[in-house]
């Protein structure tokens, strides 16, 4: 399929990523979990039947993560500027994903992949809303940075404002399934339950077991350590 998938990510260094996981996690634990989320997302994207894969990094990726991707650096500025720059640098259909949804699988993008594989696609763009009001995926057949630039990011209305931008530009927008980002540890527990058998789920399981003796794991999640 003639489609570029760009994953926007940050180098997973303690104190620089997933700080809202602390507490109950330490900065090192949060960075390790972020790295697993990123690596799992990239492995999923490698299995997509697409033409080109970009890893748009703030920092330096490890060799394993870079494999199969063209690595480019993020531009300076807010998230809207960084996302817009990916569009401005891209030719042809583009899908932008973050590193915060390790539960991602091909089924979440099935409607998009099916639509854009047609000789005459129905939708000009696709948007995947996040449960916190943002979005986890944004795709445009003809990428336009001006349709992202200026959208307030990390708010409860980011997704709805972005959708309005697309529709007001006359684009026919398809809606992908809603998903949760991993921002807090309660999110990580919920997402892990949606991705059983994955490295991310195993890591959250291990963290819950480590936290149990200190009484910090009262996250409302499943009692995965019962009987251990």
C-alpha atoms as a PDB file:
ATOM      1  CA  UNK A   1       0.000   0.000   0.000  1.00  0.00           C
ATOM      2  CA  UNK A   2       1.241   3.498  -0.820  1.00  0.00           C
ATOM      3  CA  UNK A   3       1.184   4.768   2.755  1.00  0.00           C
ATOM      4  CA  UNK A   4       3.807   6.271   5.040  1.00  0.00           C
ATOM      5  CA  UNK A   5       3.436   5.503   8.742  1.00  0.00           C
ATOM      6  CA  UNK A   6       5.258   7.937  11.025  1.00  0.00           C
ATOM      7  CA  UNK A   7       5.702   7.148  14.718  1.00  0.00           C
ATOM      8  CA  UNK A   8       6.506  10.249  16.782  1.00  0.00           C
ATOM      9  CA  UNK A   9       8.501   9.371  19.876  1.00  0.00           C
ATOM     10  CA  UNK A  10      10.875  10.583  22.567  1.00  0.00           C
ATOM     11  CA  UNK A  11      14.049   8.883  23.742  1.00  0.00           C
ATOM     12  CA  UNK A  12      13.115   6.975  26.882  1.00  0.00           C
ATOM     13  CA  UNK A  13      15.377   8.547  29.489  1.00  0.00           C
ATOM     14  CA  UNK A  14      14.497   8.677  33.214  1.00  0.00           C
ATOM     15  CA  UNK A  15      12.901  11.970  34.135  1.00  0.00           C
ATOM     16  CA  UNK A  16      12.142  12.869  30.502  1.00  0.00           C
ATOM     17  CA  UNK A  17       9.346  10.459  29.641  1.00  0.00           C
ATOM     18  CA  UNK A  18       6.174   9.303  31.353  1.00  0.00           C
ATOM     19  CA  UNK A  19       6.753  11.365  34.477  1.00  0.00           C
ATOM     20  CA  UNK A  20       3.051  11.085  35.318  1.00  0.00           C
ATOM     21  CA  UNK A  21       3.662   7.401  36.048  1.00  0.00           C
ATOM     22  CA  UNK A  22       5.611   8.597  39.111  1.00  0.00           C
ATOM     23  CA  UNK A  23       4.449   7.735  41.678  1.00  0.00           C
ATOM     24  CA  UNK A  24       3.888   4.853  42.084  1.00  0.00           C
ATOM     25  CA  UNK A  25       6.760   4.103  39.667  1.00  0.00           C
ATOM     26  CA  UNK A  26      10.263   5.447  39.965  1.00  0.00           C
ATOM     27  CA  UNK A  27      11.712   7.509  37.112  1.00  0.00           C
ATOM     28  CA  UNK A  28      13.740   4.505  35.987  1.00  0.00           C
ATOM     29  CA  UNK A  29      10.708   2.209  35.994  1.00  0.00           C
ATOM     30  CA  UNK A  30       8.652   4.765  34.076  1.00  0.00           C
ATOM     31  CA  UNK A  31      11.374   5.120  31.432  1.00  0.00           C
ATOM     32  CA  UNK A  32      11.684   1.343  31.097  1.00  0.00           C
ATOM     33  CA  UNK A  33       7.914   0.994  30.622  1.00  0.00           C
ATOM     34  CA  UNK A  34       7.933   3.818  28.058  1.00  0.00           C
ATOM     35  CA  UNK A  35      10.689   2.029  26.152  1.00  0.00           C
ATOM     36  CA  UNK A  36       8.664  -1.176  26.095  1.00  0.00           C
ATOM     37  CA  UNK A  37       5.604   0.746  24.873  1.00  0.00           C
ATOM     38  CA  UNK A  38       7.642   2.325  22.084  1.00  0.00           C
ATOM     39  CA  UNK A  39       9.348  -0.896  21.019  1.00  0.00           C
ATOM     40  CA  UNK A  40       6.048  -2.786  20.994  1.00  0.00           C
ATOM     41  CA  UNK A  41       4.409  -0.053  18.895  1.00  0.00           C
ATOM     42  CA  UNK A  42       7.270  -0.121  16.376  1.00  0.00           C
ATOM     43  CA  UNK A  43       7.126  -3.909  16.123  1.00  0.00           C
ATOM     44  CA  UNK A  44       3.406  -3.679  15.350  1.00  0.00           C
ATOM     45  CA  UNK A  45       4.003  -1.046  12.667  1.00  0.00           C
ATOM     46  CA  UNK A  46       6.652  -3.252  11.031  1.00  0.00           C
ATOM     47  CA  UNK A  47       3.891  -5.759  10.313  1.00  0.00           C
ATOM     48  CA  UNK A  48       1.660  -3.242   8.524  1.00  0.00           C
ATOM     49  CA  UNK A  49       1.526  -3.637   4.704  1.00  0.00           C
ATOM     50  CA  UNK A  50       2.757  -0.115   3.988  1.00  0.00           C
ATOM     51  CA  UNK A  51       5.241   1.563   1.680  1.00  0.00           C
ATOM     52  CA  UNK A  52       7.390   3.529   4.140  1.00  0.00           C
ATOM     53  CA  UNK A  53       7.961   3.770   7.905  1.00  0.00           C
ATOM     54  CA  UNK A  54       9.346   6.827   9.711  1.00  0.00           C
ATOM     55  CA  UNK A  55      10.544   7.109  13.299  1.00  0.00           C
ATOM     56  CA  UNK A  56      10.366  10.796  14.201  1.00  0.00           C
ATOM     57  CA  UNK A  57      12.519  11.103  17.306  1.00  0.00           C
ATOM     58  CA  UNK A  58      13.276  13.581  20.021  1.00  0.00           C
ATOM     59  CA  UNK A  59      16.629  12.039  20.924  1.00  0.00           C
ATOM     60  CA  UNK A  60      18.389   8.931  19.647  1.00  0.00           C
ATOM     61  CA  UNK A  61      16.648   5.572  19.143  1.00  0.00           C
ATOM     62  CA  UNK A  62      18.306   2.296  20.031  1.00  0.00           C
ATOM     63  CA  UNK A  63      19.485   0.173  17.122  1.00  0.00           C
ATOM     64  CA  UNK A  64      16.659  -2.329  17.552  1.00  0.00           C
ATOM     65  CA  UNK A  65      13.983   0.364  17.399  1.00  0.00           C
ATOM     66  CA  UNK A  66      15.510   2.008  14.326  1.00  0.00           C
ATOM     67  CA  UNK A  67      15.502  -1.229  12.327  1.00  0.00           C
ATOM     68  CA  UNK A  68      13.102  -0.991   9.387  1.00  0.00           C
ATOM     69  CA  UNK A  69      12.461   2.722   9.881  1.00  0.00           C
ATOM     70  CA  UNK A  70      13.836   5.901   8.373  1.00  0.00           C
ATOM     71  CA  UNK A  71      14.839   7.923  11.442  1.00  0.00           C
ATOM     72  CA  UNK A  72      14.385  11.698  11.362  1.00  0.00           C
ATOM     73  CA  UNK A  73      14.642  14.288  14.129  1.00  0.00           C
ATOM     74  CA  UNK A  74      11.680  16.240  15.443  1.00  0.00           C
ATOM     75  CA  UNK A  75      11.646  19.965  14.766  1.00  0.00           C
ATOM     76  CA  UNK A  76      11.588  22.503  17.579  1.00  0.00           C
ATOM     77  CA  UNK A  77       8.296  23.824  18.885  1.00  0.00           C
ATOM     78  CA  UNK A  78       5.076  22.558  20.387  1.00  0.00           C
ATOM     79  CA  UNK A  79       3.508  19.239  19.505  1.00  0.00           C
ATOM     80  CA  UNK A  80       1.292  20.866  16.872  1.00  0.00           C
ATOM     81  CA  UNK A  81       4.400  22.240  15.123  1.00  0.00           C
ATOM     82  CA  UNK A  82       6.155  18.886  15.308  1.00  0.00           C
ATOM     83  CA  UNK A  83       3.169  17.023  13.859  1.00  0.00           C
ATOM     84  CA  UNK A  84       2.672  19.675  11.183  1.00  0.00           C
ATOM     85  CA  UNK A  85       6.325  19.371  10.152  1.00  0.00           C
ATOM     86  CA  UNK A  86       5.864  15.655   9.491  1.00  0.00           C
ATOM     87  CA  UNK A  87       3.004  16.503   7.146  1.00  0.00           C
ATOM     88  CA  UNK A  88       4.957  19.263   5.414  1.00  0.00           C
ATOM     89  CA  UNK A  89       7.843  16.860   4.772  1.00  0.00           C
ATOM     90  CA  UNK A  90       5.663  14.023   3.456  1.00  0.00           C
ATOM     91  CA  UNK A  91       4.412  13.192  -0.013  1.00  0.00           C
ATOM     92  CA  UNK A  92       1.377  10.961  -0.452  1.00  0.00           C
ATOM     93  CA  UNK A  93      -0.872   9.300   2.138  1.00  0.00           C
ATOM     94  CA  UNK A  94       0.425   9.648   5.704  1.00  0.00           C
ATOM     95  CA  UNK A  95      -0.554   8.107   9.035  1.00  0.00           C
ATOM     96  CA  UNK A  96       0.930   9.557  12.243  1.00  0.00           C
ATOM     97  CA  UNK A  97       0.960   7.458  15.419  1.00  0.00           C
ATOM     98  CA  UNK A  98       2.283   8.078  18.933  1.00  0.00           C
ATOM     99  CA  UNK A  99       4.202   5.780  21.266  1.00  0.00           C
ATOM    100  CA  UNK A 100       1.535   5.767  23.993  1.00  0.00           C
ATOM    101  CA  UNK A 101      -0.825   3.035  22.744  1.00  0.00           C
ATOM    102  CA  UNK A 102       1.047  -0.299  23.032  1.00  0.00           C
ATOM    103  CA  UNK A 103      -2.295  -2.119  22.703  1.00  0.00           C
ATOM    104  CA  UNK A 104      -2.318  -1.094  19.019  1.00  0.00           C
ATOM    105  CA  UNK A 105      -2.886  -3.884  16.531  1.00  0.00           C
ATOM    106  CA  UNK A 106      -3.852  -4.090  12.884  1.00  0.00           C
ATOM    107  CA  UNK A 107      -7.546  -4.384  13.734  1.00  0.00           C
ATOM    108  CA  UNK A 108      -7.531  -0.827  15.113  1.00  0.00           C
ATOM    109  CA  UNK A 109      -6.513   0.415  11.658  1.00  0.00           C
ATOM    110  CA  UNK A 110      -8.455  -2.121   9.608  1.00  0.00           C
ATOM    111  CA  UNK A 111     -11.027   0.304   8.221  1.00  0.00           C
ATOM    112  CA  UNK A 112      -8.351   2.796   7.181  1.00  0.00           C
ATOM    113  CA  UNK A 113      -6.178   0.162   5.509  1.00  0.00           C
ATOM    114  CA  UNK A 114      -9.184  -1.284   3.681  1.00  0.00           C
ATOM    115  CA  UNK A 115     -10.432   2.129   2.553  1.00  0.00           C
ATOM    116  CA  UNK A 116      -7.102   3.417   1.287  1.00  0.00           C
ATOM    117  CA  UNK A 117      -6.321   0.174  -0.520  1.00  0.00           C
ATOM    118  CA  UNK A 118      -9.303   0.843  -2.822  1.00  0.00           C
ATOM    119  CA  UNK A 119      -8.813   2.452  -6.233  1.00  0.00           C
ATOM    120  CA  UNK A 120     -11.213   5.212  -5.093  1.00  0.00           C
ATOM    121  CA  UNK A 121     -10.993   5.693  -1.284  1.00  0.00           C
ATOM    122  CA  UNK A 122     -14.040   7.083   0.511  1.00  0.00           C
ATOM    123  CA  UNK A 123     -12.222   9.077   3.180  1.00  0.00           C
ATOM    124  CA  UNK A 124      -9.673  11.866   2.780  1.00  0.00           C
ATOM    125  CA  UNK A 125      -8.538  11.593   6.395  1.00  0.00           C
ATOM    126  CA  UNK A 126      -8.862   9.392   9.468  1.00  0.00           C
ATOM    127  CA  UNK A 127      -8.728  10.299  13.160  1.00  0.00           C
ATOM    128  CA  UNK A 128      -8.406   8.049  16.198  1.00  0.00           C
ATOM    129  CA  UNK A 129      -9.701   9.714  19.360  1.00  0.00           C
ATOM    130  CA  UNK A 130      -8.107   9.077  22.756  1.00  0.00           C
ATOM    131  CA  UNK A 131     -10.167   8.707  25.903  1.00  0.00           C
ATOM    132  CA  UNK A 132      -8.442  11.733  27.474  1.00  0.00           C
ATOM    133  CA  UNK A 133      -9.744  14.047  24.746  1.00  0.00           C
ATOM    134  CA  UNK A 134      -6.688  13.924  22.491  1.00  0.00           C
ATOM    135  CA  UNK A 135      -6.024  11.681  19.520  1.00  0.00           C
ATOM    136  CA  UNK A 136      -3.780   8.653  19.042  1.00  0.00           C
ATOM    137  CA  UNK A 137      -3.801   8.538  15.231  1.00  0.00           C
ATOM    138  CA  UNK A 138      -4.107  11.094  12.455  1.00  0.00           C
ATOM    139  CA  UNK A 139      -4.034  10.246   8.749  1.00  0.00           C
ATOM    140  CA  UNK A 140      -4.383  12.367   5.627  1.00  0.00           C
ATOM    141  CA  UNK A 141      -4.219  11.255   2.010  1.00  0.00           C
ATOM    142  CA  UNK A 142      -2.810  14.675   1.122  1.00  0.00           C
ATOM    143  CA  UNK A 143      -0.872  15.774   4.222  1.00  0.00           C
ATOM    144  CA  UNK A 144      -1.328  19.416   5.210  1.00  0.00           C
ATOM    145  CA  UNK A 145       0.557  20.823   8.147  1.00  0.00           C
ATOM    146  CA  UNK A 146      -1.673  23.878   8.256  1.00  0.00           C
ATOM    147  CA  UNK A 147      -4.566  21.666   9.362  1.00  0.00           C
ATOM    148  CA  UNK A 148      -2.657  20.747  12.552  1.00  0.00           C
ATOM    149  CA  UNK A 149      -0.629  23.859  13.268  1.00  0.00           C
ATOM    150  CA  UNK A 150      -2.320  25.918  15.985  1.00  0.00           C
ATOM    151  CA  UNK A 151      -4.502  23.110  17.389  1.00  0.00           C
ATOM    152  CA  UNK A 152      -4.146  23.255  21.218  1.00  0.00           C
ATOM    153  CA  UNK A 153      -2.483  20.008  22.295  1.00  0.00           C
ATOM    154  CA  UNK A 154      -2.816  18.015  25.527  1.00  0.00           C
ATOM    155  CA  UNK A 155      -6.260  19.346  26.371  1.00  0.00           C
ATOM    156  CA  UNK A 156      -9.629  17.681  26.828  1.00  0.00           C
ATOM    157  CA  UNK A 157     -10.782  19.094  23.480  1.00  0.00           C
ATOM    158  CA  UNK A 158      -7.693  18.475  21.310  1.00  0.00           C
ATOM    159  CA  UNK A 159      -9.357  15.652  19.376  1.00  0.00           C
ATOM    160  CA  UNK A 160     -12.595  17.511  18.735  1.00  0.00           C
ATOM    161  CA  UNK A 161     -10.761  20.661  17.627  1.00  0.00           C
ATOM    162  CA  UNK A 162      -8.588  18.620  15.274  1.00  0.00           C
ATOM    163  CA  UNK A 163     -11.663  16.917  13.831  1.00  0.00           C
ATOM    164  CA  UNK A 164     -13.274  20.317  13.243  1.00  0.00           C
ATOM    165  CA  UNK A 165     -10.153  21.538  11.453  1.00  0.00           C
ATOM    166  CA  UNK A 166     -10.288  18.587   9.074  1.00  0.00           C
ATOM    167  CA  UNK A 167     -14.003  18.756   8.346  1.00  0.00           C
ATOM    168  CA  UNK A 168     -14.006  22.537   7.951  1.00  0.00           C
ATOM    169  CA  UNK A 169     -11.338  22.075   5.273  1.00  0.00           C
ATOM    170  CA  UNK A 170     -13.828  19.935   3.365  1.00  0.00           C
ATOM    171  CA  UNK A 171     -12.259  16.566   4.143  1.00  0.00           C
ATOM    172  CA  UNK A 172     -14.339  13.419   4.519  1.00  0.00           C
ATOM    173  CA  UNK A 173     -13.044  12.070   7.844  1.00  0.00           C
ATOM    174  CA  UNK A 174     -13.301   8.473   8.991  1.00  0.00           C
ATOM    175  CA  UNK A 175     -13.219   7.728  12.712  1.00  0.00           C
ATOM    176  CA  UNK A 176     -10.994   4.970  14.107  1.00  0.00           C
ATOM    177  CA  UNK A 177     -11.741   3.129  17.373  1.00  0.00           C
ATOM    178  CA  UNK A 178     -11.207   5.129  20.543  1.00  0.00           C
ATOM    179  CA  UNK A 179      -8.196   4.074  22.611  1.00  0.00           C
ATOM    180  CA  UNK A 180      -6.534   4.985  25.899  1.00  0.00           C
ATOM    181  CA  UNK A 181      -3.080   6.523  26.077  1.00  0.00           C
ATOM    182  CA  UNK A 182      -0.691   5.355  28.777  1.00  0.00           C
ATOM    183  CA  UNK A 183      -0.309   8.516  30.834  1.00  0.00           C
ATOM    184  CA  UNK A 184      -0.745   7.276  34.417  1.00  0.00           C
ATOM    185  CA  UNK A 185      -0.152   3.891  35.998  1.00  0.00           C
ATOM    186  CA  UNK A 186      -3.884   3.185  36.162  1.00  0.00           C
ATOM    187  CA  UNK A 187      -3.886   3.652  32.376  1.00  0.00           C
ATOM    188  CA  UNK A 188      -0.991   1.202  32.064  1.00  0.00           C
ATOM    189  CA  UNK A 189      -2.892  -1.431  34.049  1.00  0.00           C
ATOM    190  CA  UNK A 190      -6.003  -0.975  31.890  1.00  0.00           C
ATOM    191  CA  UNK A 191      -4.045  -1.052  28.622  1.00  0.00           C
ATOM    192  CA  UNK A 192      -2.095  -4.128  29.707  1.00  0.00           C
ATOM    193  CA  UNK A 193      -5.383  -5.976  30.230  1.00  0.00           C
ATOM    194  CA  UNK A 194      -6.277  -5.134  26.607  1.00  0.00           C
ATOM    195  CA  UNK A 195      -3.003  -6.553  25.282  1.00  0.00           C
ATOM    196  CA  UNK A 196      -2.561  -9.934  27.006  1.00  0.00           C
ATOM    197  CA  UNK A 197       0.508 -11.933  26.099  1.00  0.00           C
ATOM    198  CA  UNK A 198       2.540  -8.870  25.140  1.00  0.00           C
ATOM    199  CA  UNK A 199       5.797  -7.669  26.667  1.00  0.00           C
ATOM    200  CA  UNK A 200       4.007  -4.547  27.877  1.00  0.00           C
ATOM    201  CA  UNK A 201       1.407  -6.588  29.751  1.00  0.00           C
ATOM    202  CA  UNK A 202       4.110  -8.772  31.311  1.00  0.00           C
ATOM    203  CA  UNK A 203       6.030  -5.692  32.426  1.00  0.00           C
ATOM    204  CA  UNK A 204       2.974  -4.099  34.057  1.00  0.00           C
ATOM    205  CA  UNK A 205       2.254  -7.420  35.746  1.00  0.00           C
ATOM    206  CA  UNK A 206       5.796  -7.491  37.155  1.00  0.00           C
ATOM    207  CA  UNK A 207       5.536  -3.906  38.360  1.00  0.00           C
ATOM    208  CA  UNK A 208       2.256  -4.603  40.126  1.00  0.00           C
ATOM    209  CA  UNK A 209       3.878  -7.516  41.908  1.00  0.00           C
ATOM    210  CA  UNK A 210       6.832  -5.348  42.951  1.00  0.00           C
ATOM    211  CA  UNK A 211       4.535  -2.646  44.279  1.00  0.00           C
ATOM    212  CA  UNK A 212       2.222  -4.983  46.173  1.00  0.00           C
ATOM    213  CA  UNK A 213       4.357  -5.343  49.339  1.00  0.00           C
ATOM    214  CA  UNK A 214       4.525  -1.565  49.768  1.00  0.00           C
ATOM    215  CA  UNK A 215       0.784  -1.206  49.367  1.00  0.00           C
ATOM    216  CA  UNK A 216       1.168   1.212  46.469  1.00  0.00           C
ATOM    217  CA  UNK A 217      -0.539  -0.799  43.787  1.00  0.00           C
ATOM    218  CA  UNK A 218      -4.118  -0.050  44.753  1.00  0.00           C
ATOM    219  CA  UNK A 219      -4.882   0.908  41.176  1.00  0.00           C
ATOM    220  CA  UNK A 220      -8.189  -0.852  40.888  1.00  0.00           C
ATOM    221  CA  UNK A 221      -6.657  -3.229  38.354  1.00  0.00           C
ATOM    222  CA  UNK A 222      -6.833  -7.031  38.332  1.00  0.00           C
ATOM    223  CA  UNK A 223      -5.118  -8.862  41.161  1.00  0.00           C
ATOM    224  CA  UNK A 224      -2.595 -10.498  38.833  1.00  0.00           C
ATOM    225  CA  UNK A 225      -0.279 -11.406  41.703  1.00  0.00           C
ATOM    226  CA  UNK A 226      -2.890 -13.458  43.546  1.00  0.00           C
ATOM    227  CA  UNK A 227      -1.536 -16.876  44.382  1.00  0.00           C
ATOM    228  CA  UNK A 228       2.084 -16.027  43.561  1.00  0.00           C
END
